Protein backbone atom coordinates (compact mmCIF):
# COMPACT_ATOMS: atom_id res chain seq x y z
CA UNK A 1 -32.96 -8.39 -23.62
CA UNK A 2 -36.04 -6.20 -22.36
CA UNK A 3 -35.39 -2.79 -23.71
CA UNK A 4 -36.76 -0.98 -20.36
CA UNK A 5 -35.38 -3.27 -18.17
CA UNK A 6 -31.59 -1.93 -17.65
CA UNK A 7 -29.61 -5.24 -17.17
CA UNK A 8 -26.04 -5.49 -15.16
CA UNK A 9 -23.15 -5.85 -16.99
CA UNK A 10 -19.96 -7.38 -16.15
CA UNK A 11 -16.35 -7.19 -17.94
CA UNK A 12 -13.67 -9.73 -17.14
CA UNK A 13 -10.05 -9.63 -19.37
CA UNK A 14 -7.44 -12.34 -18.70
CA UNK A 15 -3.93 -12.99 -19.90
CA UNK A 16 -2.91 -9.78 -20.95
CA UNK A 17 0.54 -10.59 -19.90
CA UNK A 18 0.73 -14.22 -21.62
CA UNK A 19 3.01 -15.89 -19.29
CA UNK A 20 0.58 -15.67 -16.29
CA UNK A 21 -1.20 -19.06 -17.26
CA UNK A 22 -2.56 -19.37 -14.19
CA UNK A 23 -4.97 -16.13 -15.22
CA UNK A 24 -6.86 -19.00 -18.03
CA UNK A 25 -7.76 -21.30 -15.63
CA UNK A 26 -9.49 -19.26 -13.45
CA UNK A 27 -11.43 -17.37 -16.41
CA UNK A 28 -12.14 -20.91 -17.44
CA UNK A 29 -13.45 -21.67 -14.04
CA UNK A 30 -15.94 -19.01 -14.37
CA UNK A 31 -16.88 -19.75 -17.60
CA UNK A 32 -17.84 -23.51 -17.22
CA UNK A 33 -19.82 -22.25 -13.96
CA UNK A 34 -21.83 -19.73 -16.09
CA UNK A 35 -22.51 -21.99 -18.54
CA UNK A 36 -23.42 -24.77 -16.10
CA UNK A 37 -26.82 -25.45 -15.25
CA UNK A 38 -25.92 -24.87 -11.38
CA UNK A 39 -29.22 -23.12 -10.17
CA UNK A 40 -27.04 -19.93 -9.06
CA UNK A 41 -25.41 -19.82 -12.68
CA UNK A 42 -29.45 -19.75 -14.39
CA UNK A 43 -29.88 -17.01 -11.78
CA UNK A 44 -26.85 -14.70 -13.35
CA UNK A 45 -27.54 -15.25 -16.56
CA UNK A 46 -31.44 -14.21 -16.32
CA UNK A 47 -30.27 -10.86 -14.52
CA UNK A 48 -26.48 -10.33 -15.54
CA UNK A 49 -24.78 -9.69 -18.91
CA UNK A 50 -20.85 -11.38 -18.58
CA UNK A 51 -18.65 -10.34 -21.81
CA UNK A 52 -15.21 -12.32 -21.24
CA UNK A 53 -12.12 -11.78 -23.35
CA UNK A 54 -10.21 -14.63 -21.86
CA UNK A 55 -7.30 -14.41 -23.67
CA UNK A 56 -6.22 -10.81 -24.63
CA UNK A 57 -2.63 -10.95 -25.76
CA UNK A 58 -2.72 -14.26 -27.65
CA UNK A 59 0.24 -13.33 -29.98
CA UNK A 60 2.53 -13.53 -27.06
CA UNK A 61 0.77 -16.73 -25.62
CA UNK A 62 1.38 -18.08 -28.96
CA UNK A 63 5.16 -17.13 -28.81
CA UNK A 64 5.71 -18.26 -25.51
CA UNK A 65 6.34 -13.81 -24.39
CA UNK A 66 6.19 -13.50 -20.32
CA UNK A 67 4.84 -10.08 -20.20
CA UNK A 68 4.83 -8.63 -24.16
CA UNK A 69 2.86 -8.71 -27.07
CA UNK A 70 4.36 -9.59 -30.53
CA UNK A 71 5.34 -6.01 -30.98
CA UNK A 72 6.98 -5.81 -27.72
CA UNK A 73 4.35 -3.95 -25.58
CA UNK A 74 3.43 -4.49 -22.25
CA UNK A 75 -0.12 -4.17 -23.34
CA UNK A 76 -1.33 -3.51 -19.43
CA UNK A 77 0.70 0.26 -19.94
CA UNK A 78 -1.41 1.27 -22.85
CA UNK A 79 -5.03 1.00 -21.60
CA UNK A 80 -5.35 5.06 -21.87
CA UNK A 81 -4.40 5.39 -25.93
CA UNK A 82 -3.90 1.95 -27.78
CA UNK A 83 -3.07 2.12 -31.21
CA UNK A 84 -5.34 -0.38 -33.51
CA UNK A 85 -2.40 -0.95 -35.32
CA UNK A 86 0.31 -1.64 -32.52
CA UNK A 87 -2.27 -2.91 -29.48
CA UNK A 88 -5.06 -4.48 -31.99
CA UNK A 89 -6.21 -6.71 -29.39
CA UNK A 90 -6.17 -3.83 -26.58
CA UNK A 91 -8.09 -0.92 -29.07
CA UNK A 92 -11.37 -3.38 -29.79
CA UNK A 93 -11.75 -4.39 -26.25
CA UNK A 94 -11.70 -0.80 -25.21
CA UNK A 95 -13.52 0.60 -27.51
CA UNK A 96 -16.29 -2.40 -27.10
CA UNK A 97 -16.29 -1.58 -22.62
CA UNK A 98 -16.76 2.43 -24.22
CA UNK A 99 -19.67 1.00 -26.20
CA UNK A 100 -20.97 -0.89 -23.71
CA UNK A 101 -20.57 2.25 -20.82
CA UNK A 102 -22.48 4.62 -23.28
CA UNK A 103 -25.59 1.92 -24.21
CA UNK A 104 -28.13 2.92 -21.90
CA UNK A 105 -29.98 -0.09 -22.07
CA UNK A 106 -27.26 -1.81 -19.60
CA UNK A 107 -25.11 -0.60 -16.64
CA UNK A 108 -21.54 -1.85 -16.57
CA UNK A 109 -21.13 -2.39 -13.18
CA UNK A 110 -18.02 -4.70 -13.12
CA UNK A 111 -14.58 -5.15 -14.97
CA UNK A 112 -12.25 -7.02 -13.87
CA UNK A 113 -8.60 -8.01 -15.16
CA UNK A 114 -7.51 -11.90 -14.55
CA UNK A 115 -3.69 -11.70 -13.10
CA UNK A 116 -1.31 -13.96 -11.82
CA UNK A 117 1.66 -13.10 -9.38
CA UNK A 118 4.67 -14.70 -8.65
CA UNK A 119 5.31 -13.86 -5.27
CA UNK A 120 2.61 -13.92 -3.67
CA UNK A 121 -0.08 -16.34 -2.18
CA UNK A 122 -3.23 -17.15 -2.67
CA UNK A 123 -5.89 -15.13 -4.75
CA UNK A 124 -6.25 -10.97 -4.70
CA UNK A 125 -7.41 -8.38 -5.00
CA UNK A 126 -5.83 -4.91 -6.12
CA UNK A 127 -9.17 -2.00 -6.43
CA UNK A 128 -8.59 2.04 -6.84
CA UNK A 129 -8.57 4.81 -4.77
CA UNK A 130 -11.64 7.62 -4.39
CA UNK A 131 -12.16 10.67 -2.81
CA UNK A 132 -15.55 9.44 -2.12
CA UNK A 133 -15.80 7.68 1.29
CA UNK A 134 -18.80 5.60 0.57
CA UNK A 135 -17.65 5.11 -2.60
CA UNK A 136 -14.27 3.31 -1.26
CA UNK A 137 -16.44 1.25 1.05
CA UNK A 138 -18.95 0.25 -1.93
CA UNK A 139 -15.92 -1.18 -4.10
CA UNK A 140 -14.61 -3.19 -0.79
CA UNK A 141 -17.86 -5.55 -0.72
CA UNK A 142 -17.46 -7.61 -3.63
CA UNK A 143 -13.51 -8.69 -2.03
CA UNK A 144 -14.85 -9.23 0.87
CA UNK A 145 -17.74 -11.44 0.04
CA UNK A 146 -15.29 -13.08 -2.64
CA UNK A 147 -13.05 -13.77 0.77
CA UNK A 148 -16.49 -15.47 2.22
CA UNK A 149 -17.22 -17.80 -0.67
CA UNK A 150 -13.10 -18.44 -1.36
CA UNK A 151 -10.86 -20.02 1.10
CA UNK A 152 -8.33 -19.35 -0.72
CA UNK A 153 -8.89 -15.38 -1.50
CA UNK A 154 -6.86 -13.34 0.57
CA UNK A 155 -8.82 -9.61 1.92
CA UNK A 156 -5.75 -9.25 4.32
CA UNK A 157 -3.65 -9.22 0.58
CA UNK A 158 -5.96 -7.12 -1.35
CA UNK A 159 -5.08 -2.95 -1.88
CA UNK A 160 -6.82 0.03 -2.94
CA UNK A 161 -4.15 2.41 -4.57
CA UNK A 162 -3.35 4.78 -7.52
CA UNK A 163 0.18 4.18 -7.99
CA UNK A 164 1.69 6.03 -10.83
CA UNK A 165 3.12 3.59 -12.31
CA UNK A 166 -0.23 1.10 -13.12
CA UNK A 167 -1.88 4.64 -14.80
CA UNK A 168 -2.02 2.83 -18.09
CA UNK A 169 -3.62 -0.04 -16.68
CA UNK A 170 -7.09 -1.35 -17.08
CA UNK A 171 -7.98 -0.95 -13.76
CA UNK A 172 -6.34 2.65 -13.22
CA UNK A 173 -7.84 3.56 -16.72
CA UNK A 174 -10.73 2.09 -17.03
CA UNK A 175 -11.63 2.88 -13.09
CA UNK A 176 -11.31 6.53 -14.13
CA UNK A 177 -13.67 6.54 -17.21
CA UNK A 178 -16.30 4.47 -15.85
CA UNK A 179 -18.94 6.29 -13.62
CA UNK A 180 -18.93 6.31 -9.48
CA UNK A 181 -21.10 2.75 -10.28
CA UNK A 182 -18.51 0.79 -12.03
CA UNK A 183 -15.94 -1.01 -10.18
CA UNK A 184 -12.97 -1.79 -11.63
CA UNK A 185 -9.94 -4.85 -9.82
CA UNK A 186 -7.46 -7.12 -10.61
CA UNK A 187 -7.94 -10.07 -9.79
CA UNK A 188 -4.23 -11.94 -9.15
CA UNK A 189 -3.56 -15.06 -8.16
CA UNK A 190 -0.39 -16.86 -7.03
CA UNK A 191 1.39 -18.94 -9.19
CA UNK A 192 2.48 -20.95 -5.93
CA UNK A 193 0.13 -21.89 -3.09
CA UNK A 194 -2.56 -20.21 -0.71
CA UNK A 195 -2.92 -20.51 2.86
CA UNK A 196 -6.25 -21.17 4.00
CA UNK A 197 -7.63 -19.82 7.97
CA UNK A 198 -5.82 -22.16 10.66
CA UNK A 199 -3.38 -23.75 7.95
CA UNK A 200 0.24 -24.07 9.01
CA UNK A 201 1.54 -24.90 5.43
CA UNK A 202 1.06 -23.72 2.15
CA UNK A 203 -1.21 -25.77 -0.08
CA UNK A 204 0.28 -25.49 -4.03
CA UNK A 205 -1.75 -24.69 -6.18
CA UNK A 206 -3.96 -26.97 -9.34
CA UNK A 207 -5.77 -26.34 -12.59
CA UNK A 208 -8.58 -27.47 -10.75
CA UNK A 209 -7.99 -25.60 -7.81
CA UNK A 210 -7.45 -22.30 -9.86
CA UNK A 211 -10.89 -23.27 -11.87
CA UNK A 212 -12.42 -23.24 -8.29
CA UNK A 213 -11.68 -20.03 -7.19
CA UNK A 214 -12.70 -18.82 -10.96
CA UNK A 215 -16.34 -20.16 -10.42
CA UNK A 216 -16.25 -18.50 -6.50
CA UNK A 217 -15.76 -15.76 -7.90
CA UNK A 218 -18.56 -16.12 -10.20
CA UNK A 219 -21.11 -17.38 -7.48
CA UNK A 220 -19.69 -14.07 -5.66
CA UNK A 221 -21.59 -11.88 -8.06
CA UNK A 222 -24.94 -13.33 -7.00
CA UNK A 223 -24.52 -12.95 -3.67
CA UNK A 224 -22.79 -8.87 -3.99
CA UNK A 225 -26.77 -8.52 -5.89
CA UNK A 226 -28.47 -9.93 -3.59
CA UNK A 227 -27.40 -8.07 -0.92
CA UNK A 228 -27.66 -4.75 -2.81
CA UNK A 229 -31.25 -5.75 -3.53
CA UNK A 230 -30.71 -6.18 -7.15
CA UNK A 231 -31.41 -10.03 -7.49
CA UNK A 232 -33.85 -11.84 -5.48
CA UNK A 233 -32.88 -15.16 -4.09
CA UNK A 234 -33.87 -17.12 -0.86
CA UNK A 235 -30.72 -18.74 -0.54
CA UNK A 236 -28.50 -16.43 2.25
CA UNK A 237 -25.58 -14.83 1.05
CA UNK A 238 -22.23 -15.37 3.48
CA UNK A 239 -22.79 -12.22 5.08
CA UNK A 240 -26.18 -12.67 6.06
CA UNK A 241 -25.28 -16.40 6.59
CA UNK A 242 -22.75 -15.58 9.57
CA UNK A 243 -23.98 -12.48 10.38
CA UNK A 244 -20.63 -10.72 10.01
CA UNK A 245 -17.96 -10.34 7.13
CA UNK A 246 -14.23 -11.29 7.87
CA UNK A 247 -12.57 -8.07 8.40
CA UNK A 248 -8.52 -9.33 7.83
CA UNK A 249 -7.11 -12.64 7.24
CA UNK A 250 -7.51 -15.13 4.98
CA UNK A 251 -10.92 -16.18 3.52
CA UNK A 252 -12.64 -19.15 5.64
CA UNK A 253 -15.35 -19.72 3.31
CA UNK A 254 -19.00 -20.91 4.04
CA UNK A 255 -19.80 -22.44 6.70
CA UNK A 256 -19.26 -26.43 6.20
CA UNK A 257 -23.39 -27.28 5.86
CA UNK A 258 -23.71 -24.35 3.38
CA UNK A 259 -20.48 -25.85 1.23
CA UNK A 260 -21.80 -29.54 0.92
CA UNK A 261 -25.49 -28.25 0.15
CA UNK A 262 -23.74 -26.66 -2.24
CA UNK A 263 -22.20 -29.54 -3.90
CA UNK A 264 -25.09 -31.28 -4.00
CA UNK A 265 -26.32 -28.96 -6.14
CA UNK A 266 -23.70 -28.27 -7.99
CA UNK A 267 -23.52 -29.96 -12.23
CA UNK A 268 -20.12 -31.29 -13.11
CA UNK A 269 -18.27 -29.32 -10.17
């Protein structure tokens, strides 16, 4: 990495709650896309550093726990002061994030923690609440772009809050720790089904559609950085293609011609 050029850094985690197995398939979709030969992936690798922890609670997964670690802790309530003895994976990841945040060579811009939801449909996000209205608006850009790219992602289900019971979560804690150029989200995906625009019945999720959501998350980073003139690429973003962002409702995805074009470009997807 060139010392003269500050690189963007995206940090993703998944499976802090071991029973939320759909999160692993979403995360796998992100990874598979980023290491592929797809032209979007190649551009992203040239400009963005991705740090991914696909299983934050491996002992809980091994034991078949739904929410807790080996020692009975909900790790996603201990980000404020994780113990190296009681919460070793969380402690290590938090140290790495703090280290990356202090590295002058990189700009830590996104933290996304991937979960699965037991009652709501579709994919959606939780974000934070800020006093700065401009920052509030900027925080909404990524989920709006994802809404355009992923037919199963719902911006209307996306919400921004500072619920006190979520103070120890990664999204809430890191949202307060990192500077105002960083955005922290929880990405949720339904255990069950999703509704697309104009559909009359929910469509069950499969392993493949979970991974497809992950691939759409990955490609949305390029749209975000293009929109902010941080990465040069001649292909239009969804906003530039349609001329407008969907304000409410489910994402309708890219237009058919654009999706078909990208299918032809894709390798192994």
